[in-house]
Amino acid sequence: MKEISVSELKDWRDNGVAFQLIDVREPYEYEICHLGGELIPMAEVMDHVDRISRDKKVVVHCRSGKRSASVIRALEQLHGFDNLFNLEGGVLAWADEIDPEMPKY
């Protein structure tokens, strides 16, 4: 599984790299804090595979990186995706390393 650090993700944003950001947390978690990605809760991902790009990089994230890793494994195995990146440490790492003002839960 390919992974991306929060500093690499920030570099992608700062440098205009084309990618899709998908948040697989629950709506109540998204309300607490988010990175601006598209919310597709983990339990709904397989029903919305058509919303996931196949022609550019896709960063999948959650709170810590565990749920997003599970989602990526399933998408790669069941749907043949090869353009997915797991955000190492999820929003917790983003808050720790990039945006200390972001609420943590």
PDB file of N, CA and C in Angstrom:
ATOM      1  N   MET A   1       0.843  -1.182   0.000  1.00  0.00           N
ATOM      2  CA  MET A   1       0.000   0.000   0.000  1.00  0.00           C
ATOM      3  C   MET A   1       0.885   1.241   0.000  1.00  0.00           C
ATOM      4  N   LYS A   2       0.547   2.167  -0.882  1.00  0.00           N
ATOM      5  CA  LYS A   2       1.292   3.422  -0.930  1.00  0.00           C
ATOM      6  C   LYS A   2       0.818   4.330   0.200  1.00  0.00           C
ATOM      7  N   GLU A   3       1.746   5.042   0.795  1.00  0.00           N
ATOM      8  CA  GLU A   3       1.401   5.981   1.859  1.00  0.00           C
ATOM      9  C   GLU A   3       1.983   7.344   1.543  1.00  0.00           C
ATOM     10  N   ILE A   4       1.402   8.351   2.159  1.00  0.00           N
ATOM     11  CA  ILE A   4       1.869   9.725   2.015  1.00  0.00           C
ATOM     12  C   ILE A   4       1.864  10.356   3.409  1.00  0.00           C
ATOM     13  N   SER A   5       2.900  11.101   3.704  1.00  0.00           N
ATOM     14  CA  SER A   5       2.969  11.785   4.999  1.00  0.00           C
ATOM     15  C   SER A   5       2.170  13.084   4.922  1.00  0.00           C
ATOM     16  N   VAL A   6       1.873  13.636   6.076  1.00  0.00           N
ATOM     17  CA  VAL A   6       1.128  14.900   6.087  1.00  0.00           C
ATOM     18  C   VAL A   6       1.963  16.025   5.467  1.00  0.00           C
ATOM     19  N   SER A   7       3.278  15.997   5.637  1.00  0.00           N
ATOM     20  CA  SER A   7       4.113  17.037   5.025  1.00  0.00           C
ATOM     21  C   SER A   7       4.123  16.899   3.506  1.00  0.00           C
ATOM     22  N   GLU A   8       4.112  15.660   3.004  1.00  0.00           N
ATOM     23  CA  GLU A   8       4.023  15.462   1.554  1.00  0.00           C
ATOM     24  C   GLU A   8       2.670  15.944   1.032  1.00  0.00           C
ATOM     25  N   LEU A   9       1.595  15.656   1.764  1.00  0.00           N
ATOM     26  CA  LEU A   9       0.268  16.119   1.352  1.00  0.00           C
ATOM     27  C   LEU A   9       0.230  17.640   1.313  1.00  0.00           C
ATOM     28  N   LYS A  10       0.803  18.279   2.307  1.00  0.00           N
ATOM     29  CA  LYS A  10       0.854  19.745   2.315  1.00  0.00           C
ATOM     30  C   LYS A  10       1.618  20.245   1.094  1.00  0.00           C
ATOM     31  N   ASP A  11       2.727  19.599   0.759  1.00  0.00           N
ATOM     32  CA  ASP A  11       3.494  19.978  -0.436  1.00  0.00           C
ATOM     33  C   ASP A  11       2.645  19.824  -1.695  1.00  0.00           C
ATOM     34  N   TRP A  12       1.893  18.727  -1.802  1.00  0.00           N
ATOM     35  CA  TRP A  12       1.015  18.536  -2.962  1.00  0.00           C
ATOM     36  C   TRP A  12       0.028  19.692  -3.060  1.00  0.00           C
ATOM     37  N   ARG A  13      -0.576  20.057  -1.943  1.00  0.00           N
ATOM     38  CA  ARG A  13      -1.540  21.168  -1.938  1.00  0.00           C
ATOM     39  C   ARG A  13      -0.859  22.477  -2.341  1.00  0.00           C
ATOM     40  N   ASP A  14       0.274  22.747  -1.712  1.00  0.00           N
ATOM     41  CA  ASP A  14       0.974  24.010  -1.957  1.00  0.00           C
ATOM     42  C   ASP A  14       1.453  24.139  -3.400  1.00  0.00           C
ATOM     43  N   ASN A  15       1.743  22.999  -4.038  1.00  0.00           N
ATOM     44  CA  ASN A  15       2.297  23.013  -5.391  1.00  0.00           C
ATOM     45  C   ASN A  15       1.277  22.677  -6.467  1.00  0.00           C
ATOM     46  N   GLY A  16       0.011  22.612  -6.104  1.00  0.00           N
ATOM     47  CA  GLY A  16      -1.051  22.415  -7.085  1.00  0.00           C
ATOM     48  C   GLY A  16      -1.084  21.044  -7.736  1.00  0.00           C
ATOM     49  N   VAL A  17      -0.590  20.023  -7.053  1.00  0.00           N
ATOM     50  CA  VAL A  17      -0.660  18.662  -7.587  1.00  0.00           C
ATOM     51  C   VAL A  17      -2.134  18.245  -7.671  1.00  0.00           C
ATOM     52  N   ALA A  18      -2.502  17.649  -8.796  1.00  0.00           N
ATOM     53  CA  ALA A  18      -3.888  17.200  -8.979  1.00  0.00           C
ATOM     54  C   ALA A  18      -4.104  15.899  -8.213  1.00  0.00           C
ATOM     55  N   PHE A  19      -5.009  15.928  -7.251  1.00  0.00           N
ATOM     56  CA  PHE A  19      -5.352  14.726  -6.499  1.00  0.00           C
ATOM     57  C   PHE A  19      -6.741  14.890  -5.908  1.00  0.00           C
ATOM     58  N   GLN A  20      -7.328  13.767  -5.536  1.00  0.00           N
ATOM     59  CA  GLN A  20      -8.619  13.748  -4.855  1.00  0.00           C
ATOM     60  C   GLN A  20      -8.360  13.358  -3.410  1.00  0.00           C
ATOM     61  N   LEU A  21      -9.018  14.039  -2.487  1.00  0.00           N
ATOM     62  CA  LEU A  21      -8.880  13.749  -1.067  1.00  0.00           C
ATOM     63  C   LEU A  21     -10.197  13.184  -0.561  1.00  0.00           C
ATOM     64  N   ILE A  22     -10.142  11.975   0.005  1.00  0.00           N
ATOM     65  CA  ILE A  22     -11.349  11.321   0.499  1.00  0.00           C
ATOM     66  C   ILE A  22     -11.204  11.053   1.992  1.00  0.00           C
ATOM     67  N   ASP A  23     -12.196  11.486   2.735  1.00  0.00           N
ATOM     68  CA  ASP A  23     -12.270  11.322   4.187  1.00  0.00           C
ATOM     69  C   ASP A  23     -13.261  10.204   4.468  1.00  0.00           C
ATOM     70  N   VAL A  24     -12.797   9.109   5.104  1.00  0.00           N
ATOM     71  CA  VAL A  24     -13.677   7.963   5.343  1.00  0.00           C
ATOM     72  C   VAL A  24     -14.211   7.906   6.776  1.00  0.00           C
ATOM     73  N   ARG A  25     -14.095   9.021   7.495  1.00  0.00           N
ATOM     74  CA  ARG A  25     -14.628   9.077   8.863  1.00  0.00           C
ATOM     75  C   ARG A  25     -16.144   9.282   8.819  1.00  0.00           C
ATOM     76  N   GLU A  26     -16.742   9.340   9.990  1.00  0.00           N
ATOM     77  CA  GLU A  26     -18.180   9.556  10.111  1.00  0.00           C
ATOM     78  C   GLU A  26     -18.485  11.059  10.041  1.00  0.00           C
ATOM     79  N   PRO A  27     -19.722  11.418   9.659  1.00  0.00           N
ATOM     80  CA  PRO A  27     -20.078  12.835   9.568  1.00  0.00           C
ATOM     81  C   PRO A  27     -19.811  13.625  10.853  1.00  0.00           C
ATOM     82  N   TYR A  28     -20.077  13.040  12.023  1.00  0.00           N
ATOM     83  CA  TYR A  28     -19.845  13.786  13.267  1.00  0.00           C
ATOM     84  C   TYR A  28     -18.351  14.080  13.451  1.00  0.00           C
ATOM     85  N   GLU A  29     -17.481  13.198  12.959  1.00  0.00           N
ATOM     86  CA  GLU A  29     -16.039  13.432  13.056  1.00  0.00           C
ATOM     87  C   GLU A  29     -15.625  14.558  12.110  1.00  0.00           C
ATOM     88  N   TYR A  30     -16.210  14.545  10.923  1.00  0.00           N
ATOM     89  CA  TYR A  30     -15.930  15.578   9.924  1.00  0.00           C
ATOM     90  C   TYR A  30     -16.307  16.955  10.471  1.00  0.00           C
ATOM     91  N   GLU A  31     -17.393  17.024  11.240  1.00  0.00           N
ATOM     92  CA  GLU A  31     -17.828  18.304  11.818  1.00  0.00           C
ATOM     93  C   GLU A  31     -16.819  18.837  12.839  1.00  0.00           C
ATOM     94  N   ILE A  32     -16.117  17.944  13.537  1.00  0.00           N
ATOM     95  CA  ILE A  32     -15.125  18.369  14.527  1.00  0.00           C
ATOM     96  C   ILE A  32     -13.924  19.006  13.842  1.00  0.00           C
ATOM     97  N   CYS A  33     -13.419  18.352  12.819  1.00  0.00           N
ATOM     98  CA  CYS A  33     -12.278  18.860  12.053  1.00  0.00           C
ATOM     99  C   CYS A  33     -12.210  18.111  10.731  1.00  0.00           C
ATOM    100  N   HIS A  34     -11.659  18.772   9.724  1.00  0.00           N
ATOM    101  CA  HIS A  34     -11.496  18.110   8.428  1.00  0.00           C
ATOM    102  C   HIS A  34     -10.418  18.812   7.619  1.00  0.00           C
ATOM    103  N   LEU A  35      -9.991  18.130   6.570  1.00  0.00           N
ATOM    104  CA  LEU A  35      -8.957  18.652   5.674  1.00  0.00           C
ATOM    105  C   LEU A  35      -9.566  19.155   4.374  1.00  0.00           C
ATOM    106  N   GLY A  36     -10.893  19.203   4.319  1.00  0.00           N
ATOM    107  CA  GLY A  36     -11.555  19.699   3.122  1.00  0.00           C
ATOM    108  C   GLY A  36     -11.810  18.641   2.072  1.00  0.00           C
ATOM    109  N   GLY A  37     -11.582  17.387   2.420  1.00  0.00           N
ATOM    110  CA  GLY A  37     -11.797  16.312   1.462  1.00  0.00           C
ATOM    111  C   GLY A  37     -13.260  15.954   1.313  1.00  0.00           C
ATOM    112  N   GLU A  38     -13.506  15.067   0.386  1.00  0.00           N
ATOM    113  CA  GLU A  38     -14.855  14.580   0.128  1.00  0.00           C
ATOM    114  C   GLU A  38     -15.189  13.513   1.165  1.00  0.00           C
ATOM    115  N   LEU A  39     -16.285  13.677   1.870  1.00  0.00           N
ATOM    116  CA  LEU A  39     -16.679  12.738   2.917  1.00  0.00           C
ATOM    117  C   LEU A  39     -17.431  11.558   2.308  1.00  0.00           C
ATOM    118  N   ILE A  40     -16.832  10.364   2.447  1.00  0.00           N
ATOM    119  CA  ILE A  40     -17.495   9.116   2.086  1.00  0.00           C
ATOM    120  C   ILE A  40     -17.225   8.162   3.256  1.00  0.00           C
ATOM    121  N   PRO A  41     -18.134   8.089   4.223  1.00  0.00           N
ATOM    122  CA  PRO A  41     -17.891   7.238   5.392  1.00  0.00           C
ATOM    123  C   PRO A  41     -17.514   5.810   5.003  1.00  0.00           C
ATOM    124  N   MET A  42     -16.652   5.219   5.803  1.00  0.00           N
ATOM    125  CA  MET A  42     -16.108   3.889   5.529  1.00  0.00           C
ATOM    126  C   MET A  42     -17.190   2.884   5.128  1.00  0.00           C
ATOM    127  N   ALA A  43     -18.297   2.866   5.846  1.00  0.00           N
ATOM    128  CA  ALA A  43     -19.364   1.891   5.582  1.00  0.00           C
ATOM    129  C   ALA A  43     -20.053   2.126   4.240  1.00  0.00           C
ATOM    130  N   GLU A  44     -19.842   3.306   3.626  1.00  0.00           N
ATOM    131  CA  GLU A  44     -20.521   3.649   2.381  1.00  0.00           C
ATOM    132  C   GLU A  44     -19.599   3.628   1.166  1.00  0.00           C
ATOM    133  N   VAL A  45     -18.310   3.435   1.383  1.00  0.00           N
ATOM    134  CA  VAL A  45     -17.344   3.533   0.281  1.00  0.00           C
ATOM    135  C   VAL A  45     -17.679   2.582  -0.860  1.00  0.00           C
ATOM    136  N   MET A  46     -17.975   1.334  -0.552  1.00  0.00           N
ATOM    137  CA  MET A  46     -18.217   0.356  -1.619  1.00  0.00           C
ATOM    138  C   MET A  46     -19.480   0.665  -2.424  1.00  0.00           C
ATOM    139  N   ASP A  47     -20.381   1.444  -1.849  1.00  0.00           N
ATOM    140  CA  ASP A  47     -21.571   1.874  -2.583  1.00  0.00           C
ATOM    141  C   ASP A  47     -21.305   3.103  -3.438  1.00  0.00           C
ATOM    142  N   HIS A  48     -20.130   3.713  -3.275  1.00  0.00           N
ATOM    143  CA  HIS A  48     -19.816   4.955  -3.994  1.00  0.00           C
ATOM    144  C   HIS A  48     -18.459   4.886  -4.692  1.00  0.00           C
ATOM    145  N   VAL A  49     -18.097   3.707  -5.155  1.00  0.00           N
ATOM    146  CA  VAL A  49     -16.815   3.522  -5.849  1.00  0.00           C
ATOM    147  C   VAL A  49     -16.722   4.450  -7.057  1.00  0.00           C
ATOM    148  N   ASP A  50     -17.868   4.721  -7.676  1.00  0.00           N
ATOM    149  CA  ASP A  50     -17.880   5.591  -8.864  1.00  0.00           C
ATOM    150  C   ASP A  50     -17.455   7.028  -8.548  1.00  0.00           C
ATOM    151  N   ARG A  51     -17.426   7.422  -7.285  1.00  0.00           N
ATOM    152  CA  ARG A  51     -17.008   8.777  -6.909  1.00  0.00           C
ATOM    153  C   ARG A  51     -15.491   8.885  -6.724  1.00  0.00           C
ATOM    154  N   ILE A  52     -14.798   7.751  -6.794  1.00  0.00           N
ATOM    155  CA  ILE A  52     -13.355   7.724  -6.572  1.00  0.00           C
ATOM    156  C   ILE A  52     -12.643   7.746  -7.913  1.00  0.00           C
ATOM    157  N   SER A  53     -11.765   8.735  -8.082  1.00  0.00           N
ATOM    158  CA  SER A  53     -11.068   8.914  -9.352  1.00  0.00           C
ATOM    159  C   SER A  53     -10.124   7.756  -9.642  1.00  0.00           C
ATOM    160  N   ARG A  54     -10.033   7.422 -10.905  1.00  0.00           N
ATOM    161  CA  ARG A  54      -9.066   6.420 -11.350  1.00  0.00           C
ATOM    162  C   ARG A  54      -7.963   7.066 -12.189  1.00  0.00           C
ATOM    163  N   ASP A  55      -8.129   8.331 -12.528  1.00  0.00           N
ATOM    164  CA  ASP A  55      -7.163   8.959 -13.433  1.00  0.00           C
ATOM    165  C   ASP A  55      -6.287  10.022 -12.770  1.00  0.00           C
ATOM    166  N   LYS A  56      -6.305  10.096 -11.450  1.00  0.00           N
ATOM    167  CA  LYS A  56      -5.365  10.941 -10.725  1.00  0.00           C
ATOM    168  C   LYS A  56      -5.117  10.322  -9.355  1.00  0.00           C
ATOM    169  N   LYS A  57      -4.148  10.849  -8.649  1.00  0.00           N
ATOM    170  CA  LYS A  57      -3.831  10.337  -7.321  1.00  0.00           C
ATOM    171  C   LYS A  57      -5.012  10.579  -6.379  1.00  0.00           C
ATOM    172  N   VAL A  58      -5.244   9.617  -5.485  1.00  0.00           N
ATOM    173  CA  VAL A  58      -6.317   9.727  -4.506  1.00  0.00           C
ATOM    174  C   VAL A  58      -5.717   9.465  -3.124  1.00  0.00           C
ATOM    175  N   VAL A  59      -5.868  10.453  -2.246  1.00  0.00           N
ATOM    176  CA  VAL A  59      -5.415  10.306  -0.860  1.00  0.00           C
ATOM    177  C   VAL A  59      -6.645   9.997  -0.015  1.00  0.00           C
ATOM    178  N   VAL A  60      -6.579   8.878   0.715  1.00  0.00           N
ATOM    179  CA  VAL A  60      -7.675   8.457   1.579  1.00  0.00           C
ATOM    180  C   VAL A  60      -7.201   8.640   3.015  1.00  0.00           C
ATOM    181  N   HIS A  61      -8.059   9.233   3.847  1.00  0.00           N
ATOM    182  CA  HIS A  61      -7.644   9.435   5.237  1.00  0.00           C
ATOM    183  C   HIS A  61      -8.796   9.238   6.203  1.00  0.00           C
ATOM    184  N   CYS A  62      -8.406   9.066   7.465  1.00  0.00           N
ATOM    185  CA  CYS A  62      -9.345   8.949   8.574  1.00  0.00           C
ATOM    186  C   CYS A  62      -8.727   9.684   9.763  1.00  0.00           C
ATOM    187  N   ARG A  63      -9.026   9.248  10.957  1.00  0.00           N
ATOM    188  CA  ARG A  63      -8.484   9.904  12.144  1.00  0.00           C
ATOM    189  C   ARG A  63      -7.006   9.561  12.341  1.00  0.00           C
ATOM    190  N   SER A  64      -6.662   8.273  12.238  1.00  0.00           N
ATOM    191  CA  SER A  64      -5.293   7.854  12.533  1.00  0.00           C
ATOM    192  C   SER A  64      -4.602   7.097  11.407  1.00  0.00           C
ATOM    193  N   GLY A  65      -5.345   6.691  10.398  1.00  0.00           N
ATOM    194  CA  GLY A  65      -4.772   5.944   9.280  1.00  0.00           C
ATOM    195  C   GLY A  65      -5.175   4.492   9.219  1.00  0.00           C
ATOM    196  N   LYS A  66      -5.840   3.984  10.243  1.00  0.00           N
ATOM    197  CA  LYS A  66      -6.219   2.571  10.263  1.00  0.00           C
ATOM    198  C   LYS A  66      -7.439   2.275   9.382  1.00  0.00           C
ATOM    199  N   ARG A  67      -8.494   3.051   9.524  1.00  0.00           N
ATOM    200  CA  ARG A  67      -9.692   2.824   8.707  1.00  0.00           C
ATOM    201  C   ARG A  67      -9.398   3.070   7.230  1.00  0.00           C
ATOM    202  N   SER A  68      -8.652   4.130   6.955  1.00  0.00           N
ATOM    203  CA  SER A  68      -8.332   4.423   5.554  1.00  0.00           C
ATOM    204  C   SER A  68      -7.493   3.313   4.949  1.00  0.00           C
ATOM    205  N   ALA A  69      -6.580   2.711   5.718  1.00  0.00           N
ATOM    206  CA  ALA A  69      -5.785   1.588   5.214  1.00  0.00           C
ATOM    207  C   ALA A  69      -6.689   0.411   4.869  1.00  0.00           C
ATOM    208  N   SER A  70      -7.682   0.140   5.704  1.00  0.00           N
ATOM    209  CA  SER A  70      -8.628  -0.952   5.431  1.00  0.00           C
ATOM    210  C   SER A  70      -9.422  -0.683   4.163  1.00  0.00           C
ATOM    211  N   VAL A  71      -9.860   0.551   4.000  1.00  0.00           N
ATOM    212  CA  VAL A  71     -10.621   0.934   2.809  1.00  0.00           C
ATOM    213  C   VAL A  71      -9.751   0.760   1.558  1.00  0.00           C
ATOM    214  N   ILE A  72      -8.518   1.212   1.625  1.00  0.00           N
ATOM    215  CA  ILE A  72      -7.626   1.100   0.471  1.00  0.00           C
ATOM    216  C   ILE A  72      -7.392  -0.366   0.109  1.00  0.00           C
ATOM    217  N   ARG A  73      -7.121  -1.205   1.101  1.00  0.00           N
ATOM    218  CA  ARG A  73      -6.922  -2.632   0.814  1.00  0.00           C
ATOM    219  C   ARG A  73      -8.138  -3.217   0.090  1.00  0.00           C
ATOM    220  N   ALA A  74      -9.326  -2.898   0.569  1.00  0.00           N
ATOM    221  CA  ALA A  74     -10.549  -3.417  -0.051  1.00  0.00           C
ATOM    222  C   ALA A  74     -10.714  -2.891  -1.474  1.00  0.00           C
ATOM    223  N   LEU A  75     -10.482  -1.602  -1.679  1.00  0.00           N
ATOM    224  CA  LEU A  75     -10.624  -1.022  -3.023  1.00  0.00           C
ATOM    225  C   LEU A  75      -9.612  -1.603  -3.999  1.00  0.00           C
ATOM    226  N   GLU A  76      -8.396  -1.839  -3.527  1.00  0.00           N
ATOM    227  CA  GLU A  76      -7.373  -2.420  -4.397  1.00  0.00           C
ATOM    228  C   GLU A  76      -7.723  -3.866  -4.745  1.00  0.00           C
ATOM    229  N   GLN A  77      -8.162  -4.628  -3.769  1.00  0.00           N
ATOM    230  CA  GLN A  77      -8.458  -6.045  -3.993  1.00  0.00           C
ATOM    231  C   GLN A  77      -9.741  -6.253  -4.799  1.00  0.00           C
ATOM    232  N   LEU A  78     -10.783  -5.510  -4.463  1.00  0.00           N
ATOM    233  CA  LEU A  78     -12.089  -5.748  -5.079  1.00  0.00           C
ATOM    234  C   LEU A  78     -12.329  -4.956  -6.355  1.00  0.00           C
ATOM    235  N   HIS A  79     -11.664  -3.814  -6.491  1.00  0.00           N
ATOM    236  CA  HIS A  79     -11.951  -2.950  -7.639  1.00  0.00           C
ATOM    237  C   HIS A  79     -10.717  -2.571  -8.447  1.00  0.00           C
ATOM    238  N   GLY A  80      -9.553  -3.105  -8.088  1.00  0.00           N
ATOM    239  CA  GLY A  80      -8.357  -2.922  -8.899  1.00  0.00           C
ATOM    240  C   GLY A  80      -7.736  -1.536  -8.894  1.00  0.00           C
ATOM    241  N   PHE A  81      -8.021  -0.724  -7.893  1.00  0.00           N
ATOM    242  CA  PHE A  81      -7.415   0.612  -7.831  1.00  0.00           C
ATOM    243  C   PHE A  81      -5.906   0.481  -7.634  1.00  0.00           C
ATOM    244  N   ASP A  82      -5.137   1.364  -8.286  1.00  0.00           N
ATOM    245  CA  ASP A  82      -3.686   1.371  -8.112  1.00  0.00           C
ATOM    246  C   ASP A  82      -3.156   2.786  -7.909  1.00  0.00           C
ATOM    247  N   ASN A  83      -4.059   3.721  -7.617  1.00  0.00           N
ATOM    248  CA  ASN A  83      -3.694   5.133  -7.495  1.00  0.00           C
ATOM    249  C   ASN A  83      -4.034   5.701  -6.107  1.00  0.00           C
ATOM    250  N   LEU A  84      -4.142   4.817  -5.120  1.00  0.00           N
ATOM    251  CA  LEU A  84      -4.573   5.238  -3.783  1.00  0.00           C
ATOM    252  C   LEU A  84      -3.389   5.379  -2.837  1.00  0.00           C
ATOM    253  N   PHE A  85      -3.447   6.418  -1.999  1.00  0.00           N
ATOM    254  CA  PHE A  85      -2.419   6.688  -1.001  1.00  0.00           C
ATOM    255  C   PHE A  85      -3.089   6.828   0.359  1.00  0.00           C
ATOM    256  N   ASN A  86      -2.546   6.159   1.356  1.00  0.00           N
ATOM    257  CA  ASN A  86      -3.050   6.283   2.716  1.00  0.00           C
ATOM    258  C   ASN A  86      -2.312   7.433   3.409  1.00  0.00           C
ATOM    259  N   LEU A  87      -3.049   8.331   4.051  1.00  0.00           N
ATOM    260  CA  LEU A  87      -2.433   9.431   4.786  1.00  0.00           C
ATOM    261  C   LEU A  87      -1.931   8.904   6.126  1.00  0.00           C
ATOM    262  N   GLU A  88      -0.620   8.837   6.266  1.00  0.00           N
ATOM    263  CA  GLU A  88      -0.005   8.323   7.490  1.00  0.00           C
ATOM    264  C   GLU A  88      -0.410   9.177   8.692  1.00  0.00           C
ATOM    265  N   GLY A  89      -1.014   8.545   9.683  1.00  0.00           N
ATOM    266  CA  GLY A  89      -1.380   9.248  10.910  1.00  0.00           C
ATOM    267  C   GLY A  89      -2.668  10.031  10.849  1.00  0.00           C
ATOM    268  N   GLY A  90      -3.296  10.124   9.674  1.00  0.00           N
ATOM    269  CA  GLY A  90      -4.588  10.782   9.513  1.00  0.00           C
ATOM    270  C   GLY A  90      -4.636  12.219  10.005  1.00  0.00           C
ATOM    271  N   VAL A  91      -5.837  12.657  10.405  1.00  0.00           N
ATOM    272  CA  VAL A  91      -5.997  14.047  10.848  1.00  0.00           C
ATOM    273  C   VAL A  91      -5.248  14.317  12.148  1.00  0.00           C
ATOM    274  N   LEU A  92      -4.985  13.278  12.930  1.00  0.00           N
ATOM    275  CA  LEU A  92      -4.201  13.493  14.150  1.00  0.00           C
ATOM    276  C   LEU A  92      -2.785  13.958  13.805  1.00  0.00           C
ATOM    277  N   ALA A  93      -2.176  13.332  12.807  1.00  0.00           N
ATOM    278  CA  ALA A  93      -0.835  13.736  12.381  1.00  0.00           C
ATOM    279  C   ALA A  93      -0.866  15.131  11.761  1.00  0.00           C
ATOM    280  N   TRP A  94      -1.919  15.436  11.004  1.00  0.00           N
ATOM    281  CA  TRP A  94      -2.052  16.771  10.409  1.00  0.00           C
ATOM    282  C   TRP A  94      -2.092  17.825  11.526  1.00  0.00           C
ATOM    283  N   ALA A  95      -2.887  17.564  12.552  1.00  0.00           N
ATOM    284  CA  ALA A  95      -2.991  18.502  13.677  1.00  0.00           C
ATOM    285  C   ALA A  95      -1.651  18.628  14.399  1.00  0.00           C
ATOM    286  N   ASP A  96      -0.946  17.530  14.587  1.00  0.00           N
ATOM    287  CA  ASP A  96       0.333  17.557  15.299  1.00  0.00           C
ATOM    288  C   ASP A  96       1.430  18.262  14.510  1.00  0.00           C
ATOM    289  N   GLU A  97       1.485  17.996  13.206  1.00  0.00           N
ATOM    290  CA  GLU A  97       2.626  18.443  12.407  1.00  0.00           C
ATOM    291  C   GLU A  97       2.377  19.675  11.542  1.00  0.00           C
ATOM    292  N   ILE A  98       1.133  19.891  11.123  1.00  0.00           N
ATOM    293  CA  ILE A  98       0.854  20.953  10.147  1.00  0.00           C
ATOM    294  C   ILE A  98       0.010  22.083  10.748  1.00  0.00           C
ATOM    295  N   ASP A  99      -1.062  21.734  11.441  1.00  0.00           N
ATOM    296  CA  ASP A  99      -2.019  22.726  11.924  1.00  0.00           C
ATOM    297  C   ASP A  99      -2.330  22.502  13.405  1.00  0.00           C
ATOM    298  N   PRO A 100      -1.491  23.020  14.302  1.00  0.00           N
ATOM    299  CA  PRO A 100      -1.719  22.796  15.731  1.00  0.00           C
ATOM    300  C   PRO A 100      -3.016  23.416  16.268  1.00  0.00           C
ATOM    301  N   GLU A 101      -3.650  24.282  15.489  1.00  0.00           N
ATOM    302  CA  GLU A 101      -4.931  24.880  15.899  1.00  0.00           C
ATOM    303  C   GLU A 101      -6.107  23.946  15.618  1.00  0.00           C
ATOM    304  N   MET A 102      -5.886  22.914  14.824  1.00  0.00           N
ATOM    305  CA  MET A 102      -6.975  21.992  14.487  1.00  0.00           C
ATOM    306  C   MET A 102      -7.386  21.201  15.728  1.00  0.00           C
ATOM    307  N   PRO A 103      -8.702  21.128  15.992  1.00  0.00           N
ATOM    308  CA  PRO A 103      -9.171  20.348  17.144  1.00  0.00           C
ATOM    309  C   PRO A 103      -8.828  18.867  16.964  1.00  0.00           C
ATOM    310  N   LYS A 104      -8.462  18.229  18.068  1.00  0.00           N
ATOM    311  CA  LYS A 104      -8.206  16.788  18.063  1.00  0.00           C
ATOM    312  C   LYS A 104      -9.245  16.129  18.965  1.00  0.00           C
ATOM    313  N   TYR A 105      -9.550  14.903  18.639  1.00  0.00           N
ATOM    314  CA  TYR A 105     -10.558  14.158  19.407  1.00  0.00           C
ATOM    315  C   TYR A 105     -10.128  12.727  19.557  1.00  0.00           C
TER     316      TYR A 105
END
